[in-house]
C-alpha atoms as a PDB file:
ATOM      1  CA  UNK A   1     126.486  85.349 112.931  1.00  0.00           C
ATOM      2  CA  UNK A   2     123.049  86.987 113.037  1.00  0.00           C
ATOM      3  CA  UNK A   3     121.125  87.660 116.240  1.00  0.00           C
ATOM      4  CA  UNK A   4     117.402  88.275 116.632  1.00  0.00           C
ATOM      5  CA  UNK A   5     115.474  88.865 119.864  1.00  0.00           C
ATOM      6  CA  UNK A   6     115.172  85.096 120.437  1.00  0.00           C
ATOM      7  CA  UNK A   7     117.577  83.386 118.054  1.00  0.00           C
ATOM      8  CA  UNK A   8     121.172  83.136 116.879  1.00  0.00           C
ATOM      9  CA  UNK A   9     121.878  82.156 113.270  1.00  0.00           C
ATOM     10  CA  UNK A  10     125.416  80.838 113.380  1.00  0.00           C
ATOM     11  CA  UNK A  11     127.930  78.597 111.636  1.00  0.00           C
ATOM     12  CA  UNK A  12     127.424  74.856 111.913  1.00  0.00           C
ATOM     13  CA  UNK A  13     129.161  72.974 114.743  1.00  0.00           C
ATOM     14  CA  UNK A  14     129.983  69.249 114.848  1.00  0.00           C
ATOM     15  CA  UNK A  15     127.546  68.779 117.745  1.00  0.00           C
ATOM     16  CA  UNK A  16     124.676  70.065 115.555  1.00  0.00           C
ATOM     17  CA  UNK A  17     124.984  67.156 113.149  1.00  0.00           C
ATOM     18  CA  UNK A  18     123.425  64.316 115.192  1.00  0.00           C
ATOM     19  CA  UNK A  19     120.545  66.561 116.281  1.00  0.00           C
ATOM     20  CA  UNK A  20     119.986  67.678 112.676  1.00  0.00           C
ATOM     21  CA  UNK A  21     120.132  64.061 111.487  1.00  0.00           C
ATOM     22  CA  UNK A  22     117.481  63.075 114.035  1.00  0.00           C
ATOM     23  CA  UNK A  23     115.282  65.933 112.795  1.00  0.00           C
ATOM     24  CA  UNK A  24     115.809  64.976 109.126  1.00  0.00           C
ATOM     25  CA  UNK A  25     114.985  61.310 109.826  1.00  0.00           C
ATOM     26  CA  UNK A  26     111.591  62.245 111.292  1.00  0.00           C
ATOM     27  CA  UNK A  27     108.812  61.447 108.770  1.00  0.00           C
ATOM     28  CA  UNK A  28     106.556  64.216 110.137  1.00  0.00           C
ATOM     29  CA  UNK A  29     109.265  66.879 109.855  1.00  0.00           C
ATOM     30  CA  UNK A  30     110.056  65.693 106.322  1.00  0.00           C
ATOM     31  CA  UNK A  31     106.479  65.163 105.096  1.00  0.00           C
ATOM     32  CA  UNK A  32     106.815  67.834 102.367  1.00  0.00           C
ATOM     33  CA  UNK A  33     110.135  66.440 101.103  1.00  0.00           C
ATOM     34  CA  UNK A  34     110.509  63.350  98.908  1.00  0.00           C
ATOM     35  CA  UNK A  35     111.799  61.246 101.831  1.00  0.00           C
ATOM     36  CA  UNK A  36     113.433  61.499 105.250  1.00  0.00           C
ATOM     37  CA  UNK A  37     117.226  61.740 105.128  1.00  0.00           C
ATOM     38  CA  UNK A  38     119.793  59.240 106.259  1.00  0.00           C
ATOM     39  CA  UNK A  39     122.540  60.395 108.617  1.00  0.00           C
ATOM     40  CA  UNK A  40     124.916  60.620 105.643  1.00  0.00           C
ATOM     41  CA  UNK A  41     122.446  62.720 103.613  1.00  0.00           C
ATOM     42  CA  UNK A  42     121.814  65.012 106.570  1.00  0.00           C
ATOM     43  CA  UNK A  43     125.541  65.508 107.182  1.00  0.00           C
ATOM     44  CA  UNK A  44     126.019  66.178 103.445  1.00  0.00           C
ATOM     45  CA  UNK A  45     123.322  68.908 103.605  1.00  0.00           C
ATOM     46  CA  UNK A  46     125.226  70.683 106.395  1.00  0.00           C
ATOM     47  CA  UNK A  47     128.541  70.222 104.552  1.00  0.00           C
ATOM     48  CA  UNK A  48     127.054  71.756 101.367  1.00  0.00           C
ATOM     49  CA  UNK A  49     126.030  74.839 103.310  1.00  0.00           C
ATOM     50  CA  UNK A  50     129.399  75.141 105.023  1.00  0.00           C
ATOM     51  CA  UNK A  51     130.986  75.098 101.532  1.00  0.00           C
ATOM     52  CA  UNK A  52     128.342  77.509 100.192  1.00  0.00           C
ATOM     53  CA  UNK A  53     129.207  79.964 102.988  1.00  0.00           C
ATOM     54  CA  UNK A  54     132.918  79.727 102.177  1.00  0.00           C
ATOM     55  CA  UNK A  55     132.293  80.249  98.450  1.00  0.00           C
ATOM     56  CA  UNK A  56     129.505  82.865  98.485  1.00  0.00           C
ATOM     57  CA  UNK A  57     129.480  84.521 101.916  1.00  0.00           C
ATOM     58  CA  UNK A  58     125.977  83.274 102.713  1.00  0.00           C
ATOM     59  CA  UNK A  59     124.278  79.918 103.268  1.00  0.00           C
ATOM     60  CA  UNK A  60     121.816  78.127 105.481  1.00  0.00           C
ATOM     61  CA  UNK A  61     122.879  78.705 109.079  1.00  0.00           C
ATOM     62  CA  UNK A  62     122.405  76.551 112.152  1.00  0.00           C
ATOM     63  CA  UNK A  63     119.775  78.176 114.392  1.00  0.00           C
ATOM     64  CA  UNK A  64     120.125  78.322 118.152  1.00  0.00           C
ATOM     65  CA  UNK A  65     117.458  79.449 120.641  1.00  0.00           C
ATOM     66  CA  UNK A  66     119.403  80.584 123.739  1.00  0.00           C
ATOM     67  CA  UNK A  67     117.812  79.295 126.917  1.00  0.00           C
ATOM     68  CA  UNK A  68     115.696  76.861 124.878  1.00  0.00           C
ATOM     69  CA  UNK A  69     118.072  74.665 122.842  1.00  0.00           C
ATOM     70  CA  UNK A  70     121.554  74.934 121.322  1.00  0.00           C
ATOM     71  CA  UNK A  71     120.178  73.778 117.923  1.00  0.00           C
ATOM     72  CA  UNK A  72     116.574  73.987 116.705  1.00  0.00           C
ATOM     73  CA  UNK A  73     117.019  73.802 112.929  1.00  0.00           C
ATOM     74  CA  UNK A  74     118.434  75.653 109.961  1.00  0.00           C
ATOM     75  CA  UNK A  75     117.555  78.687 107.891  1.00  0.00           C
ATOM     76  CA  UNK A  76     119.265  80.953 105.441  1.00  0.00           C
ATOM     77  CA  UNK A  77     120.057  81.686 101.832  1.00  0.00           C
ATOM     78  CA  UNK A  78     121.467  79.593  98.998  1.00  0.00           C
ATOM     79  CA  UNK A  79     121.646  79.714  95.239  1.00  0.00           C
ATOM     80  CA  UNK A  80     118.869  77.672  93.620  1.00  0.00           C
ATOM     81  CA  UNK A  81     120.675  74.468  92.673  1.00  0.00           C
ATOM     82  CA  UNK A  82     118.604  73.317  89.697  1.00  0.00           C
ATOM     83  CA  UNK A  83     117.640  74.703  86.316  1.00  0.00           C
ATOM     84  CA  UNK A  84     114.399  76.672  86.261  1.00  0.00           C
ATOM     85  CA  UNK A  85     112.937  79.611  84.391  1.00  0.00           C
ATOM     86  CA  UNK A  86     113.360  81.763  87.529  1.00  0.00           C
ATOM     87  CA  UNK A  87     117.034  80.826  88.062  1.00  0.00           C
ATOM     88  CA  UNK A  88     119.640  81.989  88.712  1.00  0.00           C
ATOM     89  CA  UNK A  89     118.114  83.071  91.998  1.00  0.00           C
ATOM     90  CA  UNK A  90     118.887  83.068  95.699  1.00  0.00           C
ATOM     91  CA  UNK A  91     116.411  81.148  97.829  1.00  0.00           C
ATOM     92  CA  UNK A  92     115.460  81.553 101.481  1.00  0.00           C
ATOM     93  CA  UNK A  93     114.772  78.234 103.164  1.00  0.00           C
ATOM     94  CA  UNK A  94     114.175  76.808 106.613  1.00  0.00           C
ATOM     95  CA  UNK A  95     113.838  73.449 108.307  1.00  0.00           C
ATOM     96  CA  UNK A  96     113.108  73.259 112.019  1.00  0.00           C
ATOM     97  CA  UNK A  97     112.747  70.423 114.487  1.00  0.00           C
ATOM     98  CA  UNK A  98     109.032  69.912 114.999  1.00  0.00           C
ATOM     99  CA  UNK A  99     109.412  70.391 118.762  1.00  0.00           C
ATOM    100  CA  UNK A 100     109.837  74.091 117.918  1.00  0.00           C
ATOM    101  CA  UNK A 101     107.035  74.519 115.366  1.00  0.00           C
ATOM    102  CA  UNK A 102     104.340  77.064 116.118  1.00  0.00           C
ATOM    103  CA  UNK A 103     106.662  79.440 117.995  1.00  0.00           C
ATOM    104  CA  UNK A 104     107.342  81.863 115.148  1.00  0.00           C
ATOM    105  CA  UNK A 105     110.981  80.783 114.932  1.00  0.00           C
ATOM    106  CA  UNK A 106     110.884  80.084 111.178  1.00  0.00           C
ATOM    107  CA  UNK A 107     109.507  83.536 110.395  1.00  0.00           C
ATOM    108  CA  UNK A 108     111.887  85.300 112.792  1.00  0.00           C
ATOM    109  CA  UNK A 109     114.972  83.466 111.526  1.00  0.00           C
ATOM    110  CA  UNK A 110     114.008  83.807 107.845  1.00  0.00           C
ATOM    111  CA  UNK A 111     113.309  87.541 108.231  1.00  0.00           C
ATOM    112  CA  UNK A 112     116.787  88.002 109.711  1.00  0.00           C
ATOM    113  CA  UNK A 113     118.407  86.003 106.889  1.00  0.00           C
ATOM    114  CA  UNK A 114     116.468  88.023 104.289  1.00  0.00           C
ATOM    115  CA  UNK A 115     117.572  91.308 105.879  1.00  0.00           C
ATOM    116  CA  UNK A 116     121.169  90.049 105.771  1.00  0.00           C
ATOM    117  CA  UNK A 117     120.729  89.116 102.114  1.00  0.00           C
ATOM    118  CA  UNK A 118     119.472  92.553 101.184  1.00  0.00           C
ATOM    119  CA  UNK A 119     121.672  94.671 103.479  1.00  0.00           C
ATOM    120  CA  UNK A 120     125.029  92.890 103.763  1.00  0.00           C
ATOM    121  CA  UNK A 121     125.062  90.809 100.596  1.00  0.00           C
ATOM    122  CA  UNK A 122     123.264  93.351  98.407  1.00  0.00           C
ATOM    123  CA  UNK A 123     120.784  90.978  96.785  1.00  0.00           C
ATOM    124  CA  UNK A 124     118.004  92.610  94.769  1.00  0.00           C
ATOM    125  CA  UNK A 125     115.551  89.725  95.105  1.00  0.00           C
ATOM    126  CA  UNK A 126     115.081  86.576  97.174  1.00  0.00           C
ATOM    127  CA  UNK A 127     112.789  83.692  96.280  1.00  0.00           C
ATOM    128  CA  UNK A 128     111.229  80.893  98.294  1.00  0.00           C
ATOM    129  CA  UNK A 129     109.778  77.649  97.038  1.00  0.00           C
ATOM    130  CA  UNK A 130     107.987  74.666  98.459  1.00  0.00           C
ATOM    131  CA  UNK A 131     105.761  71.767  97.528  1.00  0.00           C
ATOM    132  CA  UNK A 132     102.221  72.979  96.842  1.00  0.00           C
ATOM    133  CA  UNK A 133     100.673  71.103  99.801  1.00  0.00           C
ATOM    134  CA  UNK A 134     103.109  72.732 102.285  1.00  0.00           C
ATOM    135  CA  UNK A 135     100.707  75.352 103.637  1.00  0.00           C
ATOM    136  CA  UNK A 136     102.740  75.959 106.832  1.00  0.00           C
ATOM    137  CA  UNK A 137     105.747  77.155 104.781  1.00  0.00           C
ATOM    138  CA  UNK A 138     103.487  79.099 102.415  1.00  0.00           C
ATOM    139  CA  UNK A 139     102.091  80.952 105.441  1.00  0.00           C
ATOM    140  CA  UNK A 140     105.660  81.798 106.541  1.00  0.00           C
ATOM    141  CA  UNK A 141     106.413  83.136 103.036  1.00  0.00           C
ATOM    142  CA  UNK A 142     103.326  85.330 103.191  1.00  0.00           C
ATOM    143  CA  UNK A 143     104.182  86.578 106.711  1.00  0.00           C
ATOM    144  CA  UNK A 144     107.601  87.543 105.304  1.00  0.00           C
ATOM    145  CA  UNK A 145     105.843  89.770 102.754  1.00  0.00           C
ATOM    146  CA  UNK A 146     106.660  87.524  99.809  1.00  0.00           C
ATOM    147  CA  UNK A 147     104.387  87.430  96.761  1.00  0.00           C
ATOM    148  CA  UNK A 148     103.187  84.280  95.055  1.00  0.00           C
ATOM    149  CA  UNK A 149     104.690  84.262  91.555  1.00  0.00           C
ATOM    150  CA  UNK A 150     104.124  80.904  89.869  1.00  0.00           C
ATOM    151  CA  UNK A 151     103.718  77.167  90.126  1.00  0.00           C
ATOM    152  CA  UNK A 152     106.229  74.773  88.573  1.00  0.00           C
ATOM    153  CA  UNK A 153     107.252  71.135  88.556  1.00  0.00           C
ATOM    154  CA  UNK A 154     110.434  70.671  90.588  1.00  0.00           C
ATOM    155  CA  UNK A 155     112.882  68.765  88.365  1.00  0.00           C
ATOM    156  CA  UNK A 156     114.475  66.897  91.294  1.00  0.00           C
ATOM    157  CA  UNK A 157     111.263  65.639  92.904  1.00  0.00           C
ATOM    158  CA  UNK A 158     109.848  62.331  91.660  1.00  0.00           C
ATOM    159  CA  UNK A 159     106.215  62.526  90.506  1.00  0.00           C
ATOM    160  CA  UNK A 160     105.219  59.496  92.594  1.00  0.00           C
ATOM    161  CA  UNK A 161     105.872  61.458  95.810  1.00  0.00           C
ATOM    162  CA  UNK A 162     102.888  63.730  95.107  1.00  0.00           C
ATOM    163  CA  UNK A 163     105.191  66.683  95.849  1.00  0.00           C
ATOM    164  CA  UNK A 164     106.524  67.493  92.368  1.00  0.00           C
ATOM    165  CA  UNK A 165     104.283  70.559  91.930  1.00  0.00           C
ATOM    166  CA  UNK A 166     105.858  73.531  93.711  1.00  0.00           C
ATOM    167  CA  UNK A 167     105.017  77.157  94.270  1.00  0.00           C
ATOM    168  CA  UNK A 168     107.485  80.049  93.967  1.00  0.00           C
ATOM    169  CA  UNK A 169     107.290  83.240  96.030  1.00  0.00           C
ATOM    170  CA  UNK A 170     109.379  86.368  95.424  1.00  0.00           C
ATOM    171  CA  UNK A 171     110.517  89.319  97.522  1.00  0.00           C
ATOM    172  CA  UNK A 172     112.318  92.330  96.057  1.00  0.00           C
ATOM    173  CA  UNK A 173     114.657  94.461  98.115  1.00  0.00           C
ATOM    174  CA  UNK A 174     112.542  97.409  99.253  1.00  0.00           C
ATOM    175  CA  UNK A 175     114.703  99.979  97.421  1.00  0.00           C
ATOM    176  CA  UNK A 176     115.173  97.844  94.254  1.00  0.00           C
ATOM    177  CA  UNK A 177     113.663  99.316  91.127  1.00  0.00           C
END
């Protein structure tokens, strides 16, 4: 578990799943993804990260905002799951319910997950990637101190979505040489 001034990054709970599924079914929340997720796809996402945590000691966490909501989204680290010239790499990612956008939660949660990746896990570098039109996430990457590295075509995103072209940002551990 990771705590910030306003948030708790914690393991997934069964009661998170319907709320996460509602979030992932929302077309506005998912506008920079190929499509909204079904309940089964959303549950599978959470299950993948529960397994990733068990196997690697890090994953995307459920995010709680005490006094606001018991579940507002997910953020954390995971191995990049597709072949790319920058892989193998560990990626920081986030997905929040749109009711909580604009509050700085994504930046706060991602910064905490990055610090955990560098300090506890000992990673030397963390990457972030998103579809090129996703300027809100690009702004979060820049607020995190990440540097734009390259554009690439995501191999798992169909061209007809208009989201195939992605951008990669990098952040090295401050003491990494």
